[in-house]
Amino acid sequence: MSRTIALLTDFGLNDPYVGQMKGVLATHAPESRIIDVSHGVEPFCVSQGAFFLAAAMTHFPGDTVFITVIDPGVGSGRRIIAAEFGKQVVLAPDNGVLELAEDRFSGTMIVTDLSEAAAKIHSSATFHGRDIFAPIAASLAGGTSLESLGPKLPLREIIRSGINKPVWLEDGVEATILHKDRFGNLVLNIPDTQTLPERMTIPEEHLLSSNDDACVKRVSCYAELQAGATGLLAGSQGYYELALNRGAASEMLGLEPGDVLTLKF
């Protein structure tokens, strides 16, 4: 039976793009299950796409083929690559979207350069997700080997943007916002394995409605926070998140995925 194929894009659902990709997959991999991870990544936001991918992989079958298309460089000379994590394969542009997965599954990633194979496929200049990524994914799901599609790449040549590493300061940490969920919680790029102080502050320059630094309390669940208080807790996706009890931390801070926030100790 063909392998599961998972889709992760910044395409949204208002246009025909996702449907066209699924149509290609249904044509060339009719026995594969097609599962949507998300199509709601903020446009061009590689760091948020990297978070969605890393958070999802452990919840999918061990031989899943992921199509990860957050690709502001589509049509340019950027490489198209396949990353193996055990038997799972991630197809992606070489733009840093694999960075958090590489960090989470440290020491396991093997990368194949698919650029020459991709160049042989007739495609539009603006929709490689449909014209290149989907056909290659279907081929892999049907049993084609990566070895037949291109050479291995040294890991030192893969693009990384630093999103998997918070910047530790003498008196705090600079964290990147990986995701804003529908409740307004802000997922940070700080793994929940990292020990943080019980109390921290958010400098006033990050606040929209106060002239004083905001106190942040580390808690284990949302209910431990008083109404309107800001907390930092280990979320369900393997990273710390900033939250308000029955409120939106994103509205208080005015931050979006890709923005940087300083927490002072």
Protein backbone atom coordinates (compact mmCIF):
# COMPACT_ATOMS: atom_id res chain seq x y z
CA MET A 1 0.00 0.00 0.00
CA SER A 2 1.21 3.52 -0.76
CA ARG A 3 2.55 5.69 2.01
CA THR A 4 0.61 8.47 3.76
CA ILE A 5 1.22 11.93 2.28
CA ALA A 6 0.91 14.97 4.57
CA LEU A 7 0.47 18.53 3.29
CA LEU A 8 1.77 21.66 5.00
CA THR A 9 1.55 24.99 3.14
CA ASP A 10 0.88 28.70 3.48
CA PHE A 11 -1.71 28.56 0.66
CA GLY A 12 -4.85 29.06 2.74
CA LEU A 13 -8.15 27.61 1.57
CA ASN A 14 -9.71 30.44 -0.43
CA ASP A 15 -7.88 29.63 -3.66
CA PRO A 16 -7.83 26.40 -5.72
CA TYR A 17 -4.19 25.67 -4.92
CA VAL A 18 -4.64 23.00 -2.23
CA GLY A 19 -7.34 21.27 -4.25
CA GLN A 20 -5.11 21.15 -7.32
CA MET A 21 -2.27 19.60 -5.33
CA LYS A 22 -4.66 16.97 -3.99
CA GLY A 23 -5.89 16.34 -7.51
CA VAL A 24 -2.35 15.61 -8.69
CA LEU A 25 -1.81 13.30 -5.74
CA ALA A 26 -5.11 11.50 -6.35
CA THR A 27 -4.07 10.95 -9.96
CA HIS A 28 -0.54 9.68 -9.28
CA ALA A 29 -0.90 8.12 -5.81
CA PRO A 30 -4.54 6.97 -5.66
CA GLU A 31 -3.89 4.51 -2.83
CA SER A 32 -2.23 7.03 -0.53
CA ARG A 33 -4.00 8.70 2.35
CA ILE A 34 -3.72 12.48 2.04
CA ILE A 35 -3.75 14.33 5.38
CA ASP A 36 -3.65 18.10 5.88
CA VAL A 37 -1.27 19.25 8.60
CA SER A 38 -2.27 22.87 7.91
CA HIS A 39 -2.64 25.37 5.11
CA GLY A 40 -2.83 28.28 7.54
CA VAL A 41 0.85 29.12 7.90
CA GLU A 42 1.22 32.89 7.64
CA PRO A 43 2.31 33.74 4.08
CA PHE A 44 6.09 33.37 3.65
CA CYS A 45 6.61 32.70 7.39
CA VAL A 46 9.29 30.01 7.33
CA SER A 47 9.68 29.95 11.13
CA GLN A 48 5.99 29.18 11.67
CA GLY A 49 6.08 26.49 8.99
CA ALA A 50 9.15 24.98 10.66
CA PHE A 51 7.24 24.84 13.95
CA PHE A 52 4.15 23.22 12.41
CA LEU A 53 6.33 20.58 10.76
CA ALA A 54 8.42 19.72 13.82
CA ALA A 55 5.34 19.60 16.05
CA ALA A 56 3.42 17.32 13.67
CA MET A 57 5.93 14.67 12.66
CA THR A 58 5.76 12.47 15.74
CA HIS A 59 1.98 12.18 15.37
CA PHE A 60 2.10 10.72 11.83
CA PRO A 61 2.86 7.20 10.59
CA GLY A 62 6.54 6.39 10.54
CA ASP A 63 6.76 6.24 6.75
CA THR A 64 4.85 9.45 5.95
CA VAL A 65 5.94 11.67 3.06
CA PHE A 66 5.52 15.34 4.03
CA ILE A 67 5.10 18.05 1.39
CA THR A 68 6.15 21.27 3.09
CA VAL A 69 5.66 24.28 0.85
CA ILE A 70 6.37 27.62 2.49
CA ASP A 71 8.35 28.87 -0.45
CA PRO A 72 8.84 32.62 -0.97
CA GLY A 73 11.71 31.74 -3.35
CA VAL A 74 9.54 29.68 -5.71
CA GLY A 75 10.82 29.82 -9.28
CA SER A 76 14.26 31.04 -8.25
CA GLY A 77 17.50 29.08 -8.04
CA ARG A 78 16.78 27.82 -4.53
CA ARG A 79 17.23 24.08 -4.09
CA ILE A 80 14.47 21.54 -3.65
CA ILE A 81 15.46 18.91 -1.12
CA ALA A 82 14.23 15.77 0.59
CA ALA A 83 15.11 15.16 4.23
CA GLU A 84 14.92 11.68 5.70
CA PHE A 85 14.13 11.29 9.40
CA GLY A 86 14.18 7.55 9.76
CA LYS A 87 11.56 6.35 7.26
CA GLN A 88 9.74 9.68 7.18
CA VAL A 89 10.62 11.97 4.28
CA VAL A 90 10.09 15.74 4.12
CA LEU A 91 10.06 17.44 0.72
CA ALA A 92 10.80 21.15 1.05
CA PRO A 93 12.55 24.15 -0.43
CA ASP A 94 15.99 24.66 1.07
CA ASN A 95 15.12 27.80 3.03
CA GLY A 96 15.34 26.86 6.71
CA VAL A 97 11.90 25.27 7.06
CA LEU A 98 13.58 22.00 8.17
CA GLU A 99 15.51 23.63 10.97
CA LEU A 100 13.30 22.81 13.94
CA ALA A 101 12.78 19.24 12.76
CA GLU A 102 16.54 18.82 12.49
CA ASP A 103 16.90 20.16 16.01
CA ARG A 104 14.13 17.98 17.47
CA PHE A 105 15.41 14.81 15.78
CA SER A 106 19.06 15.66 16.22
CA GLY A 107 21.57 13.46 14.42
CA THR A 108 19.06 11.62 12.24
CA MET A 109 18.54 13.88 9.21
CA ILE A 110 19.85 12.77 5.80
CA VAL A 111 19.30 15.16 2.87
CA THR A 112 18.98 14.50 -0.86
CA ASP A 113 19.24 17.25 -3.47
CA LEU A 114 16.25 16.94 -5.80
CA SER A 115 17.01 20.04 -7.85
CA GLU A 116 18.11 18.22 -11.01
CA ALA A 117 15.13 15.86 -10.89
CA ALA A 118 12.83 18.82 -10.33
CA ALA A 119 14.33 20.70 -13.28
CA LYS A 120 13.28 17.88 -15.60
CA ILE A 121 9.60 18.32 -14.65
CA HIS A 122 7.60 20.79 -16.73
CA SER A 123 6.22 23.35 -14.28
CA SER A 124 4.91 26.84 -13.87
CA ALA A 125 7.28 29.36 -12.30
CA THR A 126 4.90 30.10 -9.42
CA PHE A 127 3.35 26.79 -8.35
CA HIS A 128 6.00 24.19 -7.63
CA GLY A 129 3.79 22.69 -4.92
CA ARG A 130 1.43 21.33 -7.55
CA ASP A 131 3.83 20.83 -10.45
CA ILE A 132 6.97 19.49 -8.70
CA PHE A 133 6.47 18.63 -5.04
CA ALA A 134 3.21 16.69 -5.51
CA PRO A 135 4.46 14.46 -8.37
CA ILE A 136 7.70 13.68 -6.54
CA ALA A 137 5.79 12.88 -3.33
CA ALA A 138 3.47 10.58 -5.26
CA SER A 139 6.46 8.82 -6.80
CA LEU A 140 8.09 8.30 -3.41
CA ALA A 141 4.82 7.08 -1.92
CA GLY A 142 4.63 4.52 -4.69
CA GLY A 143 8.07 3.10 -3.99
CA THR A 144 10.60 5.23 -5.91
CA SER A 145 13.88 5.51 -4.00
CA LEU A 146 15.47 8.84 -3.13
CA GLU A 147 18.78 7.47 -4.39
CA SER A 148 17.37 7.44 -7.91
CA LEU A 149 16.31 11.11 -7.69
CA GLY A 150 19.50 12.88 -6.68
CA PRO A 151 22.74 12.97 -4.70
CA LYS A 152 23.10 13.33 -0.96
CA LEU A 153 23.96 16.77 0.41
CA PRO A 154 26.40 17.49 3.24
CA LEU A 155 24.35 18.86 6.14
CA ARG A 156 26.68 21.86 6.39
CA GLU A 157 25.32 23.06 3.04
CA ILE A 158 21.66 23.19 4.15
CA ILE A 159 20.29 26.67 4.80
CA ARG A 160 19.58 27.50 8.44
CA SER A 161 18.31 30.82 9.73
CA GLY A 162 18.84 30.35 13.48
CA ILE A 163 15.17 29.99 14.43
CA ASN A 164 15.86 26.88 16.49
CA LYS A 165 18.18 28.73 18.88
CA PRO A 166 16.93 31.33 21.35
CA VAL A 167 19.50 34.04 22.06
CA TRP A 168 20.52 33.79 25.70
CA LEU A 169 21.51 37.07 27.37
CA GLU A 170 23.11 37.77 30.73
CA ASP A 171 19.75 38.83 32.14
CA GLY A 172 17.23 37.14 29.88
CA VAL A 173 16.50 35.54 26.53
CA GLU A 174 15.44 36.73 23.07
CA ALA A 175 12.81 34.34 21.70
CA THR A 176 11.22 34.12 18.26
CA ILE A 177 7.45 33.77 17.98
CA LEU A 178 6.85 30.52 16.11
CA HIS A 179 3.06 30.57 16.14
CA LYS A 180 -0.02 32.48 17.29
CA ASP A 181 -2.90 30.08 17.83
CA ARG A 182 -6.59 30.95 17.56
CA PHE A 183 -6.72 31.65 21.31
CA GLY A 184 -3.97 34.25 21.03
CA ASN A 185 -1.33 32.11 22.75
CA LEU A 186 2.18 32.79 21.49
CA VAL A 187 4.41 29.74 20.98
CA LEU A 188 8.10 30.59 21.48
CA ASN A 189 11.16 28.86 20.06
CA ILE A 190 12.25 27.79 23.56
CA PRO A 191 11.99 23.98 23.98
CA ASP A 192 10.08 22.93 27.07
CA THR A 193 13.15 20.94 28.18
CA GLN A 194 14.85 24.25 29.00
CA THR A 195 14.68 25.40 32.65
CA LEU A 196 13.38 28.96 33.07
CA PRO A 197 12.93 31.14 36.18
CA GLU A 198 9.65 31.16 38.08
CA ARG A 199 9.17 34.85 37.29
CA MET A 200 10.29 37.02 34.38
CA THR A 201 9.34 40.37 32.88
CA ILE A 202 8.42 41.60 29.42
CA PRO A 203 10.03 45.02 28.80
CA GLU A 204 7.60 47.89 28.28
CA GLU A 205 8.67 48.38 24.64
CA HIS A 206 6.86 45.12 23.81
CA LEU A 207 3.61 46.21 25.48
CA LEU A 208 0.75 48.00 23.77
CA SER A 209 -1.18 49.15 26.82
CA SER A 210 1.27 49.79 29.66
CA ASN A 211 4.19 52.04 30.59
CA ASP A 212 5.69 49.46 32.95
CA ASP A 213 7.34 46.11 32.43
CA ALA A 214 4.85 43.22 32.63
CA CYS A 215 5.45 40.37 35.06
CA VAL A 216 5.36 36.85 33.63
CA LYS A 217 4.77 33.90 35.94
CA ARG A 218 5.75 30.36 34.95
CA VAL A 219 2.74 28.10 35.44
CA SER A 220 1.71 24.55 34.59
CA CYS A 221 -1.74 25.31 33.15
CA TYR A 222 -3.89 28.26 32.08
CA ALA A 223 -6.16 28.02 35.12
CA GLU A 224 -3.28 28.89 37.46
CA LEU A 225 -3.28 32.43 36.06
CA GLN A 226 -5.42 35.20 37.46
CA ALA A 227 -7.64 37.01 34.96
CA GLY A 228 -5.53 39.35 32.83
CA ALA A 229 -2.21 37.95 34.12
CA THR A 230 0.47 36.77 31.72
CA GLY A 231 1.97 33.32 32.11
CA LEU A 232 4.62 31.14 30.52
CA LEU A 233 3.92 27.43 30.34
CA ALA A 234 5.06 24.30 28.56
CA GLY A 235 2.47 23.81 25.84
CA SER A 236 1.33 20.67 24.06
CA GLN A 237 3.69 21.11 21.09
CA GLY A 238 7.05 20.81 22.87
CA TYR A 239 7.74 24.53 23.32
CA TYR A 240 6.98 27.23 25.88
CA GLU A 241 4.11 29.56 25.15
CA LEU A 242 2.97 32.92 26.49
CA ALA A 243 -0.67 32.97 27.48
CA LEU A 244 -3.37 34.90 29.29
CA ASN A 245 -6.12 33.17 31.24
CA ARG A 246 -9.16 33.61 28.97
CA GLY A 247 -7.38 36.34 27.07
CA ALA A 248 -5.09 36.79 24.07
CA ALA A 249 -1.40 37.34 24.74
CA SER A 250 -1.02 38.26 21.08
CA GLU A 251 -3.38 41.22 21.48
CA MET A 252 -1.61 42.44 24.61
CA LEU A 253 1.80 42.28 22.94
CA GLY A 254 0.92 42.94 19.29
CA LEU A 255 3.26 40.15 18.16
CA GLU A 256 3.00 37.87 15.14
CA PRO A 257 4.91 34.74 14.00
CA GLY A 258 8.47 35.66 13.15
CA ASP A 259 8.66 38.55 15.63
CA VAL A 260 11.25 38.58 18.43
CA LEU A 261 10.40 39.03 22.12
CA THR A 262 12.77 39.61 25.04
CA LEU A 263 12.08 38.00 28.41
CA LYS A 264 14.08 39.50 31.28
CA PHE A 265 15.10 37.36 34.26
